[in-house]
């Protein structure tokens, strides 16, 4: 290599940005892409009954993107199925805050906690982090299931105040208002009222909200 070629090569190296200087957004996007590939594989493996393979793919997705809620829930679900409930729940608890940036993700995580028998902690999660109609509705639903009608009422009122003027939202507030008052006297709701309230609050599995 002559002197001029060496000088040109040095100049080109100096002009090129180092790998570590790549924009963080590009790195994050790449990690999400890798995680998505692992998730796609995990879903297919789970559908075909290859639970252990699916567990590994969910784990790989979570390693690629620690904020992937789907990966965490899938991995935890399969861990629990093998009898590792404590490790599974620890996975759900260790999700970084950015994984719960919106109320839909927060609500999904709360339901996952409920499936682990951690309903009280799920209520606390929603109480501390919900910041919109979706999260408040989830809090009202879960608190009502737990019999915490006063807290459910407060959350349902926030749903109304947040702009949900639907008839079902209004009926829910009225029912919870009645239940909260009666609980102070009789300590339990009248027969049939809780079932009606749950129908208003519960998510319809077909995809439409219950209120």
N, C-alpha and C. Protein backbone atom coordinates (compact mmCIF):
# COMPACT_ATOMS: atom_id res chain seq x y z
N UNK A 1 0.86 -1.19 0.00
CA UNK A 1 0.00 0.00 0.00
C UNK A 1 0.89 1.23 0.00
N UNK A 2 0.73 2.13 -1.02
CA UNK A 2 1.56 3.32 -1.03
C UNK A 2 1.02 4.36 -0.06
N UNK A 3 1.79 5.46 0.05
CA UNK A 3 1.46 6.48 1.06
C UNK A 3 0.09 7.09 0.80
N UNK A 4 -0.26 7.36 -0.47
CA UNK A 4 -1.53 8.01 -0.77
C UNK A 4 -2.72 7.07 -0.50
N UNK A 5 -2.55 5.81 -0.81
CA UNK A 5 -3.62 4.85 -0.52
C UNK A 5 -3.84 4.73 0.98
N UNK A 6 -2.76 4.72 1.74
CA UNK A 6 -2.87 4.64 3.20
C UNK A 6 -3.58 5.86 3.76
N UNK A 7 -3.25 7.04 3.22
CA UNK A 7 -3.89 8.27 3.69
C UNK A 7 -5.38 8.26 3.37
N UNK A 8 -5.74 7.77 2.17
CA UNK A 8 -7.16 7.70 1.79
C UNK A 8 -7.92 6.73 2.69
N UNK A 9 -7.33 5.58 2.97
CA UNK A 9 -7.97 4.60 3.84
C UNK A 9 -8.19 5.16 5.24
N UNK A 10 -7.19 5.86 5.76
CA UNK A 10 -7.30 6.47 7.09
C UNK A 10 -8.41 7.51 7.12
N UNK A 11 -8.50 8.29 6.03
CA UNK A 11 -9.53 9.32 5.96
C UNK A 11 -10.93 8.71 5.93
N UNK A 12 -11.09 7.63 5.17
CA UNK A 12 -12.39 6.96 5.10
C UNK A 12 -12.80 6.37 6.44
N UNK A 13 -11.84 5.78 7.14
CA UNK A 13 -12.12 5.23 8.47
C UNK A 13 -12.53 6.33 9.42
N UNK A 14 -11.86 7.47 9.35
CA UNK A 14 -12.17 8.58 10.24
C UNK A 14 -13.56 9.14 9.98
N UNK A 15 -13.98 9.11 8.71
CA UNK A 15 -15.29 9.66 8.35
C UNK A 15 -16.43 8.72 8.72
N UNK A 16 -16.18 7.42 8.78
CA UNK A 16 -17.25 6.46 9.05
C UNK A 16 -17.60 6.45 10.53
N UNK A 17 -18.90 6.51 10.88
CA UNK A 17 -19.28 6.47 12.30
C UNK A 17 -19.05 5.09 12.88
N UNK A 18 -18.57 5.01 14.10
CA UNK A 18 -18.39 3.70 14.74
C UNK A 18 -19.73 3.02 14.96
N UNK A 19 -19.71 1.69 15.10
CA UNK A 19 -20.95 0.96 15.32
C UNK A 19 -21.69 1.43 16.55
N UNK A 20 -20.92 1.78 17.58
CA UNK A 20 -21.56 2.19 18.83
C UNK A 20 -22.25 3.54 18.70
N UNK A 21 -21.96 4.26 17.60
CA UNK A 21 -22.56 5.58 17.41
C UNK A 21 -23.85 5.51 16.62
N UNK A 22 -24.31 4.31 16.26
CA UNK A 22 -25.57 4.20 15.54
C UNK A 22 -26.70 4.71 16.41
N UNK A 23 -27.69 5.35 15.80
CA UNK A 23 -28.81 5.89 16.58
C UNK A 23 -29.48 4.80 17.41
N UNK A 24 -29.81 5.14 18.64
CA UNK A 24 -30.45 4.16 19.52
C UNK A 24 -31.78 3.70 18.95
N UNK A 25 -32.47 4.60 18.24
CA UNK A 25 -33.74 4.21 17.65
C UNK A 25 -33.59 3.08 16.66
N UNK A 26 -32.49 3.10 15.89
CA UNK A 26 -32.25 2.02 14.93
C UNK A 26 -32.00 0.70 15.64
N UNK A 27 -31.25 0.76 16.72
CA UNK A 27 -30.97 -0.46 17.48
C UNK A 27 -32.25 -1.02 18.10
N UNK A 28 -33.07 -0.13 18.66
CA UNK A 28 -34.33 -0.58 19.27
C UNK A 28 -35.24 -1.20 18.22
N UNK A 29 -35.29 -0.59 17.03
CA UNK A 29 -36.13 -1.13 15.96
C UNK A 29 -35.64 -2.51 15.53
N UNK A 30 -34.34 -2.67 15.47
CA UNK A 30 -33.77 -3.97 15.10
C UNK A 30 -34.12 -5.03 16.15
N UNK A 31 -34.03 -4.65 17.42
CA UNK A 31 -34.36 -5.60 18.49
C UNK A 31 -35.83 -6.01 18.41
N UNK A 32 -36.71 -5.04 18.12
CA UNK A 32 -38.13 -5.36 18.00
C UNK A 32 -38.39 -6.29 16.81
N UNK A 33 -37.65 -6.06 15.73
CA UNK A 33 -37.80 -6.92 14.56
C UNK A 33 -37.38 -8.36 14.87
N UNK A 34 -36.26 -8.50 15.55
CA UNK A 34 -35.80 -9.84 15.93
C UNK A 34 -36.82 -10.50 16.86
N UNK A 35 -37.33 -9.72 17.82
CA UNK A 35 -38.32 -10.25 18.75
C UNK A 35 -39.57 -10.70 18.01
N UNK A 36 -40.00 -9.91 17.02
CA UNK A 36 -41.19 -10.26 16.26
C UNK A 36 -41.02 -11.59 15.54
N UNK A 37 -39.83 -11.84 15.03
CA UNK A 37 -39.57 -13.12 14.36
C UNK A 37 -39.66 -14.28 15.34
N UNK A 38 -39.10 -14.09 16.53
CA UNK A 38 -39.20 -15.14 17.55
C UNK A 38 -40.65 -15.35 17.99
N UNK A 39 -41.41 -14.26 18.10
CA UNK A 39 -42.81 -14.37 18.51
C UNK A 39 -43.63 -15.13 17.48
N UNK A 40 -43.39 -14.83 16.22
CA UNK A 40 -44.11 -15.54 15.16
C UNK A 40 -43.83 -17.04 15.24
N UNK A 41 -42.58 -17.38 15.50
CA UNK A 41 -42.20 -18.79 15.62
C UNK A 41 -42.86 -19.41 16.86
N UNK A 42 -42.88 -18.65 17.97
CA UNK A 42 -43.46 -19.17 19.21
C UNK A 42 -44.95 -19.46 19.05
N UNK A 43 -45.67 -18.56 18.37
CA UNK A 43 -47.11 -18.78 18.18
C UNK A 43 -47.36 -20.05 17.39
N UNK A 44 -46.60 -20.23 16.33
CA UNK A 44 -46.77 -21.41 15.49
C UNK A 44 -46.42 -22.68 16.28
N UNK A 45 -45.36 -22.63 17.06
CA UNK A 45 -44.97 -23.80 17.85
C UNK A 45 -46.02 -24.13 18.90
N UNK A 46 -46.59 -23.09 19.50
CA UNK A 46 -47.61 -23.33 20.52
C UNK A 46 -48.87 -23.91 19.89
N UNK A 47 -49.24 -23.39 18.71
CA UNK A 47 -50.42 -23.93 18.03
C UNK A 47 -50.25 -25.40 17.66
N UNK A 48 -49.03 -25.79 17.35
CA UNK A 48 -48.78 -27.17 16.93
C UNK A 48 -48.47 -28.09 18.12
N UNK A 49 -48.61 -27.56 19.35
CA UNK A 49 -48.43 -28.38 20.53
C UNK A 49 -47.00 -28.58 20.97
N UNK A 50 -46.07 -27.81 20.42
CA UNK A 50 -44.65 -27.93 20.80
C UNK A 50 -44.35 -26.91 21.89
N UNK A 51 -44.85 -27.20 23.08
CA UNK A 51 -44.80 -26.23 24.17
C UNK A 51 -43.38 -25.84 24.57
N UNK A 52 -42.49 -26.81 24.67
CA UNK A 52 -41.11 -26.50 25.08
C UNK A 52 -40.41 -25.63 24.04
N UNK A 53 -40.62 -25.94 22.77
CA UNK A 53 -40.03 -25.10 21.72
C UNK A 53 -40.60 -23.69 21.78
N UNK A 54 -41.92 -23.60 21.99
CA UNK A 54 -42.56 -22.29 22.07
C UNK A 54 -42.03 -21.50 23.26
N UNK A 55 -41.83 -22.18 24.38
CA UNK A 55 -41.28 -21.51 25.56
C UNK A 55 -39.91 -20.91 25.23
N UNK A 56 -39.08 -21.68 24.54
CA UNK A 56 -37.76 -21.18 24.17
C UNK A 56 -37.84 -19.99 23.23
N UNK A 57 -38.78 -20.02 22.30
CA UNK A 57 -38.92 -18.91 21.36
C UNK A 57 -39.44 -17.66 22.05
N UNK A 58 -40.38 -17.83 22.98
CA UNK A 58 -40.85 -16.67 23.76
C UNK A 58 -39.69 -16.09 24.57
N UNK A 59 -38.87 -16.96 25.13
CA UNK A 59 -37.72 -16.49 25.90
C UNK A 59 -36.75 -15.72 25.00
N UNK A 60 -36.50 -16.24 23.81
CA UNK A 60 -35.60 -15.55 22.88
C UNK A 60 -36.17 -14.19 22.49
N UNK A 61 -37.48 -14.13 22.31
CA UNK A 61 -38.12 -12.85 21.97
C UNK A 61 -37.95 -11.85 23.11
N UNK A 62 -38.06 -12.35 24.34
CA UNK A 62 -37.93 -11.48 25.50
C UNK A 62 -36.49 -11.00 25.67
N UNK A 63 -35.54 -11.84 25.34
CA UNK A 63 -34.14 -11.43 25.38
C UNK A 63 -33.88 -10.35 24.35
N UNK A 64 -34.45 -10.52 23.15
CA UNK A 64 -34.26 -9.53 22.09
C UNK A 64 -34.92 -8.21 22.44
N UNK A 65 -36.11 -8.29 23.03
CA UNK A 65 -36.84 -7.07 23.39
C UNK A 65 -37.45 -7.26 24.78
N UNK A 66 -36.75 -6.85 25.83
CA UNK A 66 -37.24 -7.04 27.20
C UNK A 66 -38.57 -6.34 27.48
N UNK A 67 -38.99 -5.43 26.59
CA UNK A 67 -40.24 -4.72 26.80
C UNK A 67 -41.41 -5.37 26.06
N UNK A 68 -41.19 -6.55 25.48
CA UNK A 68 -42.26 -7.22 24.74
C UNK A 68 -43.24 -7.88 25.71
N UNK A 69 -44.42 -7.29 25.82
CA UNK A 69 -45.42 -7.81 26.74
C UNK A 69 -45.90 -9.19 26.29
N UNK A 70 -46.11 -9.36 25.00
CA UNK A 70 -46.57 -10.66 24.50
C UNK A 70 -45.55 -11.75 24.80
N UNK A 71 -44.27 -11.43 24.63
CA UNK A 71 -43.24 -12.43 24.91
C UNK A 71 -43.22 -12.79 26.39
N UNK A 72 -43.33 -11.78 27.25
CA UNK A 72 -43.30 -12.03 28.69
C UNK A 72 -44.49 -12.88 29.14
N UNK A 73 -45.68 -12.53 28.64
CA UNK A 73 -46.88 -13.28 29.04
C UNK A 73 -46.82 -14.70 28.50
N UNK A 74 -46.39 -14.86 27.25
CA UNK A 74 -46.30 -16.20 26.68
C UNK A 74 -45.28 -17.06 27.41
N UNK A 75 -44.13 -16.49 27.68
CA UNK A 75 -43.08 -17.23 28.39
C UNK A 75 -43.55 -17.61 29.79
N UNK A 76 -44.17 -16.65 30.48
CA UNK A 76 -44.65 -16.92 31.84
C UNK A 76 -45.74 -17.98 31.84
N UNK A 77 -46.63 -17.91 30.88
CA UNK A 77 -47.71 -18.90 30.82
C UNK A 77 -47.17 -20.32 30.67
N UNK A 78 -46.19 -20.49 29.80
CA UNK A 78 -45.64 -21.82 29.57
C UNK A 78 -44.75 -22.29 30.72
N UNK A 79 -44.06 -21.34 31.35
CA UNK A 79 -43.30 -21.70 32.55
C UNK A 79 -44.22 -22.23 33.64
N UNK A 80 -45.32 -21.53 33.84
CA UNK A 80 -46.27 -21.95 34.88
C UNK A 80 -46.85 -23.33 34.57
N UNK A 81 -47.10 -23.58 33.29
CA UNK A 81 -47.65 -24.88 32.89
C UNK A 81 -46.70 -26.02 33.24
N UNK A 82 -45.42 -25.72 33.34
CA UNK A 82 -44.43 -26.74 33.72
C UNK A 82 -44.16 -26.74 35.22
N UNK A 83 -44.94 -25.96 35.98
CA UNK A 83 -44.80 -25.96 37.43
C UNK A 83 -43.86 -24.92 37.99
N UNK A 84 -43.42 -23.98 37.17
CA UNK A 84 -42.49 -22.95 37.64
C UNK A 84 -43.23 -21.62 37.83
N UNK A 85 -44.23 -21.63 38.70
CA UNK A 85 -45.08 -20.45 38.85
C UNK A 85 -44.32 -19.25 39.39
N UNK A 86 -43.43 -19.45 40.35
CA UNK A 86 -42.71 -18.32 40.94
C UNK A 86 -41.82 -17.65 39.90
N UNK A 87 -41.09 -18.44 39.14
CA UNK A 87 -40.23 -17.88 38.09
C UNK A 87 -41.08 -17.18 37.02
N UNK A 88 -42.23 -17.77 36.73
CA UNK A 88 -43.11 -17.19 35.72
C UNK A 88 -43.61 -15.82 36.16
N UNK A 89 -44.07 -15.72 37.41
CA UNK A 89 -44.58 -14.44 37.88
C UNK A 89 -43.47 -13.41 38.00
N UNK A 90 -42.28 -13.85 38.38
CA UNK A 90 -41.14 -12.94 38.44
C UNK A 90 -40.85 -12.33 37.07
N UNK A 91 -41.06 -13.11 36.02
CA UNK A 91 -40.88 -12.60 34.66
C UNK A 91 -41.85 -11.46 34.39
N UNK A 92 -43.09 -11.62 34.82
CA UNK A 92 -44.09 -10.57 34.60
C UNK A 92 -43.79 -9.33 35.43
N UNK A 93 -43.30 -9.53 36.62
CA UNK A 93 -43.00 -8.39 37.50
C UNK A 93 -41.78 -7.61 37.03
N UNK A 94 -40.91 -8.24 36.26
CA UNK A 94 -39.65 -7.60 35.89
C UNK A 94 -39.73 -6.81 34.59
N UNK A 95 -40.90 -6.70 34.01
CA UNK A 95 -41.03 -5.92 32.78
C UNK A 95 -40.63 -4.47 33.02
N UNK A 96 -39.88 -3.86 32.12
CA UNK A 96 -39.48 -2.46 32.30
C UNK A 96 -40.67 -1.53 32.11
N UNK A 97 -40.62 -0.33 32.68
CA UNK A 97 -41.74 0.61 32.58
C UNK A 97 -42.19 0.89 31.16
N UNK A 98 -41.25 0.89 30.21
CA UNK A 98 -41.64 1.22 28.84
C UNK A 98 -42.56 0.16 28.23
N UNK A 99 -42.61 -1.02 28.83
CA UNK A 99 -43.53 -2.05 28.35
C UNK A 99 -44.97 -1.72 28.68
N UNK A 100 -45.17 -0.80 29.61
CA UNK A 100 -46.51 -0.44 30.08
C UNK A 100 -46.82 1.02 29.76
N UNK A 101 -46.40 1.44 28.59
CA UNK A 101 -46.54 2.85 28.22
C UNK A 101 -47.98 3.25 27.95
N UNK A 102 -48.85 2.29 27.66
CA UNK A 102 -50.26 2.62 27.41
C UNK A 102 -51.15 1.74 28.27
N UNK A 103 -52.40 2.18 28.42
CA UNK A 103 -53.32 1.49 29.32
C UNK A 103 -53.73 0.11 28.81
N UNK A 104 -53.71 -0.10 27.50
CA UNK A 104 -54.05 -1.42 26.98
C UNK A 104 -53.03 -2.46 27.44
N UNK A 105 -51.76 -2.11 27.36
CA UNK A 105 -50.72 -3.02 27.83
C UNK A 105 -50.83 -3.23 29.34
N UNK A 106 -51.10 -2.15 30.05
CA UNK A 106 -51.24 -2.23 31.50
C UNK A 106 -52.39 -3.16 31.88
N UNK A 107 -53.51 -3.03 31.18
CA UNK A 107 -54.68 -3.86 31.47
C UNK A 107 -54.39 -5.33 31.17
N UNK A 108 -53.67 -5.59 30.07
CA UNK A 108 -53.32 -6.97 29.72
C UNK A 108 -52.42 -7.59 30.79
N UNK A 109 -51.47 -6.80 31.28
CA UNK A 109 -50.59 -7.32 32.32
C UNK A 109 -51.36 -7.58 33.61
N UNK A 110 -52.28 -6.68 33.95
CA UNK A 110 -53.09 -6.87 35.16
C UNK A 110 -53.88 -8.17 35.07
N UNK A 111 -54.48 -8.44 33.91
CA UNK A 111 -55.23 -9.69 33.75
C UNK A 111 -54.30 -10.90 33.88
N UNK A 112 -53.08 -10.77 33.38
CA UNK A 112 -52.12 -11.87 33.53
C UNK A 112 -51.81 -12.10 35.00
N UNK A 113 -51.65 -11.01 35.76
CA UNK A 113 -51.40 -11.15 37.20
C UNK A 113 -52.57 -11.85 37.88
N UNK A 114 -53.79 -11.50 37.46
CA UNK A 114 -54.98 -12.15 38.03
C UNK A 114 -54.93 -13.65 37.79
N UNK A 115 -54.50 -14.05 36.59
CA UNK A 115 -54.45 -15.47 36.26
C UNK A 115 -53.45 -16.22 37.14
N UNK A 116 -52.53 -15.48 37.77
CA UNK A 116 -51.57 -16.08 38.69
C UNK A 116 -52.06 -16.00 40.14
N UNK A 117 -53.31 -15.59 40.32
CA UNK A 117 -53.85 -15.48 41.66
C UNK A 117 -53.38 -14.24 42.40
N UNK A 118 -52.94 -13.22 41.66
CA UNK A 118 -52.43 -11.99 42.27
C UNK A 118 -53.36 -10.82 42.00
N UNK A 119 -54.65 -11.04 42.24
CA UNK A 119 -55.64 -10.02 41.91
C UNK A 119 -55.44 -8.73 42.70
N UNK A 120 -55.13 -8.85 43.99
CA UNK A 120 -54.94 -7.64 44.80
C UNK A 120 -53.77 -6.82 44.27
N UNK A 121 -52.70 -7.49 43.88
CA UNK A 121 -51.55 -6.77 43.33
C UNK A 121 -51.89 -6.16 41.97
N UNK A 122 -52.74 -6.85 41.21
CA UNK A 122 -53.16 -6.32 39.92
C UNK A 122 -53.97 -5.04 40.10
N UNK A 123 -54.83 -5.02 41.12
CA UNK A 123 -55.58 -3.80 41.42
C UNK A 123 -54.61 -2.67 41.76
N UNK A 124 -53.60 -2.97 42.57
CA UNK A 124 -52.61 -1.96 42.91
C UNK A 124 -51.85 -1.45 41.70
N UNK A 125 -51.53 -2.35 40.78
CA UNK A 125 -50.84 -1.96 39.55
C UNK A 125 -51.67 -0.96 38.77
N UNK A 126 -52.95 -1.26 38.60
CA UNK A 126 -53.83 -0.36 37.85
C UNK A 126 -54.05 0.94 38.61
N UNK A 127 -54.18 0.84 39.91
CA UNK A 127 -54.39 2.04 40.73
C UNK A 127 -53.22 3.01 40.57
N UNK A 128 -52.02 2.47 40.55
CA UNK A 128 -50.82 3.31 40.51
C UNK A 128 -50.51 3.85 39.13
N UNK A 129 -50.87 3.10 38.07
CA UNK A 129 -50.36 3.45 36.74
C UNK A 129 -51.39 3.81 35.69
N UNK A 130 -52.66 3.46 35.92
CA UNK A 130 -53.67 3.78 34.91
C UNK A 130 -53.78 5.30 34.76
N UNK A 131 -53.89 5.75 33.50
CA UNK A 131 -53.96 7.20 33.29
C UNK A 131 -54.94 7.57 32.19
N UNK A 132 -55.86 6.68 31.86
CA UNK A 132 -56.85 6.97 30.83
C UNK A 132 -58.06 6.07 30.98
N UNK A 133 -59.03 6.26 30.09
CA UNK A 133 -60.30 5.54 30.20
C UNK A 133 -60.11 4.03 30.21
N UNK A 134 -59.24 3.52 29.34
CA UNK A 134 -59.04 2.07 29.28
C UNK A 134 -58.52 1.52 30.60
N UNK A 135 -57.56 2.19 31.18
CA UNK A 135 -57.00 1.74 32.45
C UNK A 135 -57.98 1.88 33.60
N UNK A 136 -58.72 2.99 33.62
CA UNK A 136 -59.70 3.18 34.71
C UNK A 136 -60.82 2.16 34.60
N UNK A 137 -61.24 1.85 33.37
CA UNK A 137 -62.27 0.84 33.19
C UNK A 137 -61.78 -0.52 33.69
N UNK A 138 -60.54 -0.84 33.37
CA UNK A 138 -59.97 -2.11 33.84
C UNK A 138 -59.91 -2.14 35.37
N UNK A 139 -59.55 -1.00 35.96
CA UNK A 139 -59.50 -0.92 37.43
C UNK A 139 -60.88 -1.11 38.02
N UNK A 140 -61.89 -0.47 37.44
CA UNK A 140 -63.26 -0.63 37.94
C UNK A 140 -63.70 -2.08 37.84
N UNK A 141 -63.39 -2.71 36.72
CA UNK A 141 -63.76 -4.11 36.52
C UNK A 141 -63.12 -5.01 37.57
N UNK A 142 -61.83 -4.87 37.73
CA UNK A 142 -61.10 -5.76 38.63
C UNK A 142 -61.45 -5.48 40.09
N UNK A 143 -61.57 -4.22 40.45
CA UNK A 143 -61.93 -3.89 41.83
C UNK A 143 -63.31 -4.43 42.17
N UNK A 144 -64.24 -4.35 41.21
CA UNK A 144 -65.59 -4.89 41.45
C UNK A 144 -65.54 -6.40 41.63
N UNK A 145 -64.73 -7.08 40.83
CA UNK A 145 -64.60 -8.53 41.00
C UNK A 145 -64.10 -8.88 42.40
N UNK A 146 -63.24 -8.03 42.92
CA UNK A 146 -62.68 -8.28 44.25
C UNK A 146 -63.60 -7.82 45.37
N UNK A 147 -64.72 -7.23 45.02
CA UNK A 147 -65.64 -6.72 46.03
C UNK A 147 -65.26 -5.37 46.58
N UNK A 148 -64.28 -4.71 45.96
CA UNK A 148 -63.86 -3.37 46.40
C UNK A 148 -64.70 -2.33 45.66
N UNK A 149 -65.98 -2.23 46.05
CA UNK A 149 -66.92 -1.43 45.28
C UNK A 149 -66.67 0.07 45.39
N UNK A 150 -66.13 0.51 46.51
CA UNK A 150 -65.83 1.94 46.66
C UNK A 150 -64.74 2.34 45.67
N UNK A 151 -63.69 1.55 45.59
CA UNK A 151 -62.62 1.85 44.64
C UNK A 151 -63.11 1.69 43.20
N UNK A 152 -63.95 0.67 42.97
CA UNK A 152 -64.51 0.48 41.63
C UNK A 152 -65.34 1.69 41.22
N UNK A 153 -66.11 2.22 42.16
CA UNK A 153 -66.93 3.40 41.87
C UNK A 153 -66.06 4.60 41.51
N UNK A 154 -65.00 4.82 42.27
CA UNK A 154 -64.11 5.95 41.98
C UNK A 154 -63.52 5.82 40.57
N UNK A 155 -63.13 4.61 40.19
CA UNK A 155 -62.57 4.40 38.86
C UNK A 155 -63.63 4.59 37.78
N UNK A 156 -64.83 4.08 38.03
CA UNK A 156 -65.91 4.22 37.05
C UNK A 156 -66.27 5.69 36.84
N UNK A 157 -66.24 6.47 37.91
CA UNK A 157 -66.51 7.91 37.77
C UNK A 157 -65.43 8.60 36.94
N UNK A 158 -64.20 8.14 37.07
CA UNK A 158 -63.12 8.71 36.25
C UNK A 158 -63.35 8.38 34.77
N UNK A 159 -63.92 7.20 34.51
CA UNK A 159 -64.25 6.85 33.13
C UNK A 159 -65.26 7.85 32.57
N UNK A 160 -66.29 8.14 33.35
CA UNK A 160 -67.29 9.12 32.92
C UNK A 160 -66.66 10.50 32.75
N UNK A 161 -65.89 10.91 33.72
CA UNK A 161 -65.25 12.23 33.66
C UNK A 161 -64.27 12.32 32.49
N UNK A 162 -63.72 11.16 32.09
CA UNK A 162 -62.76 11.15 30.99
C UNK A 162 -63.40 11.23 29.62
N UNK A 163 -64.74 11.18 29.58
CA UNK A 163 -65.41 11.38 28.30
C UNK A 163 -66.28 10.23 27.82
N UNK A 164 -66.34 9.13 28.56
CA UNK A 164 -67.20 8.03 28.16
C UNK A 164 -68.62 8.32 28.64
N UNK A 165 -69.48 8.74 27.72
CA UNK A 165 -70.84 9.11 28.08
C UNK A 165 -71.85 8.03 27.68
N UNK A 166 -71.37 6.81 27.48
CA UNK A 166 -72.26 5.73 27.07
C UNK A 166 -73.25 5.38 28.18
N UNK A 167 -74.37 4.81 27.78
CA UNK A 167 -75.40 4.43 28.75
C UNK A 167 -74.85 3.39 29.73
N UNK A 168 -74.07 2.44 29.21
CA UNK A 168 -73.55 1.38 30.09
C UNK A 168 -72.61 1.93 31.14
N UNK A 169 -71.82 2.95 30.77
CA UNK A 169 -70.92 3.57 31.75
C UNK A 169 -71.73 4.24 32.86
N UNK A 170 -72.81 4.92 32.47
CA UNK A 170 -73.66 5.55 33.46
C UNK A 170 -74.34 4.55 34.36
N UNK A 171 -74.82 3.44 33.78
CA UNK A 171 -75.45 2.40 34.58
C UNK A 171 -74.47 1.78 35.56
N UNK A 172 -73.24 1.62 35.12
CA UNK A 172 -72.22 1.05 36.00
C UNK A 172 -71.99 1.93 37.21
N UNK A 173 -71.89 3.23 36.99
CA UNK A 173 -71.70 4.16 38.10
C UNK A 173 -72.88 4.10 39.05
N UNK A 174 -74.09 4.05 38.51
CA UNK A 174 -75.28 3.98 39.36
C UNK A 174 -75.29 2.71 40.20
N UNK A 175 -74.96 1.58 39.56
CA UNK A 175 -74.94 0.31 40.30
C UNK A 175 -73.88 0.31 41.39
N UNK A 176 -72.71 0.83 41.05
CA UNK A 176 -71.63 0.87 42.04
C UNK A 176 -71.95 1.84 43.17
N UNK A 177 -72.63 2.92 42.86
CA UNK A 177 -73.04 3.86 43.90
C UNK A 177 -73.97 3.16 44.89
N UNK A 178 -74.92 2.39 44.35
CA UNK A 178 -75.85 1.65 45.21
C UNK A 178 -75.10 0.61 46.04
N UNK A 179 -74.23 -0.15 45.38
CA UNK A 179 -73.50 -1.19 46.10
C UNK A 179 -72.62 -0.60 47.20
N UNK A 180 -71.96 0.50 46.91
CA UNK A 180 -71.08 1.11 47.90
C UNK A 180 -71.86 1.53 49.13
N UNK A 181 -73.03 2.10 48.94
CA UNK A 181 -73.85 2.52 50.06
C UNK A 181 -74.37 1.35 50.86
N UNK A 182 -74.82 0.30 50.18
CA UNK A 182 -75.37 -0.86 50.87
C UNK A 182 -74.29 -1.65 51.61
N UNK A 183 -73.09 -1.65 51.05
CA UNK A 183 -72.02 -2.40 51.71
C UNK A 183 -71.70 -1.84 53.08
N UNK A 184 -71.87 -0.52 53.24
CA UNK A 184 -71.61 0.09 54.54
C UNK A 184 -72.56 -0.45 55.60
N UNK A 185 -73.72 -0.93 55.16
CA UNK A 185 -74.74 -1.38 56.11
C UNK A 185 -74.74 -2.91 56.24
N UNK A 186 -74.79 -3.60 55.09
CA UNK A 186 -74.98 -5.04 55.15
C UNK A 186 -73.70 -5.82 54.85
N UNK A 187 -72.65 -5.14 54.44
CA UNK A 187 -71.35 -5.76 54.21
C UNK A 187 -71.33 -6.72 53.02
N UNK A 188 -72.43 -6.86 52.32
CA UNK A 188 -72.41 -7.68 51.11
C UNK A 188 -73.52 -7.20 50.18
N UNK A 189 -73.31 -7.30 48.87
CA UNK A 189 -74.32 -6.80 47.94
C UNK A 189 -75.55 -7.69 47.93
N UNK A 190 -76.72 -7.14 47.57
CA UNK A 190 -77.93 -7.95 47.49
C UNK A 190 -77.81 -9.00 46.39
N UNK A 191 -78.58 -10.07 46.53
CA UNK A 191 -78.52 -11.18 45.58
C UNK A 191 -78.79 -10.69 44.16
N UNK A 192 -77.97 -11.12 43.23
CA UNK A 192 -78.18 -10.79 41.83
C UNK A 192 -77.51 -9.52 41.37
N UNK A 193 -77.23 -8.60 42.30
CA UNK A 193 -76.67 -7.31 41.89
C UNK A 193 -75.24 -7.47 41.39
N UNK A 194 -74.46 -8.28 42.07
CA UNK A 194 -73.07 -8.47 41.65
C UNK A 194 -72.99 -9.09 40.26
N UNK A 195 -73.87 -10.06 39.99
CA UNK A 195 -73.86 -10.69 38.67
C UNK A 195 -74.17 -9.69 37.58
N UNK A 196 -75.16 -8.82 37.84
CA UNK A 196 -75.50 -7.80 36.85
C UNK A 196 -74.34 -6.84 36.64
N UNK A 197 -73.70 -6.47 37.74
CA UNK A 197 -72.58 -5.54 37.65
C UNK A 197 -71.44 -6.16 36.85
N UNK A 198 -71.17 -7.42 37.08
CA UNK A 198 -70.08 -8.07 36.35
C UNK A 198 -70.38 -8.13 34.86
N UNK A 199 -71.66 -8.30 34.50
CA UNK A 199 -72.00 -8.32 33.08
C UNK A 199 -71.70 -6.97 32.44
N UNK A 200 -71.96 -5.89 33.20
CA UNK A 200 -71.68 -4.56 32.66
C UNK A 200 -70.18 -4.34 32.52
N UNK A 201 -69.43 -4.84 33.50
CA UNK A 201 -68.01 -4.52 33.55
C UNK A 201 -67.13 -5.46 32.74
N UNK A 202 -67.52 -6.73 32.66
CA UNK A 202 -66.62 -7.73 32.08
C UNK A 202 -66.39 -7.48 30.60
N UNK A 203 -65.19 -7.79 30.14
CA UNK A 203 -64.88 -7.71 28.72
C UNK A 203 -65.58 -8.83 27.98
N UNK A 204 -66.22 -8.48 26.86
CA UNK A 204 -66.83 -9.48 25.99
C UNK A 204 -65.72 -10.15 25.19
N UNK A 205 -65.66 -11.47 25.23
CA UNK A 205 -64.58 -12.19 24.55
C UNK A 205 -64.65 -12.05 23.04
N UNK A 206 -65.81 -11.56 22.53
CA UNK A 206 -65.90 -11.36 21.09
C UNK A 206 -65.19 -10.10 20.65
N UNK A 207 -64.79 -9.28 21.61
CA UNK A 207 -64.02 -8.09 21.26
C UNK A 207 -64.70 -6.79 21.60
N UNK A 208 -66.00 -6.80 21.92
CA UNK A 208 -66.68 -5.56 22.26
C UNK A 208 -66.68 -5.38 23.76
N UNK A 209 -66.49 -4.15 24.27
CA UNK A 209 -66.43 -3.94 25.71
C UNK A 209 -67.76 -4.19 26.37
N UNK A 210 -67.73 -4.60 27.63
CA UNK A 210 -68.95 -4.88 28.34
C UNK A 210 -69.67 -3.64 28.83
N UNK A 211 -69.02 -2.48 28.74
CA UNK A 211 -69.71 -1.24 29.14
C UNK A 211 -69.22 -0.10 28.32
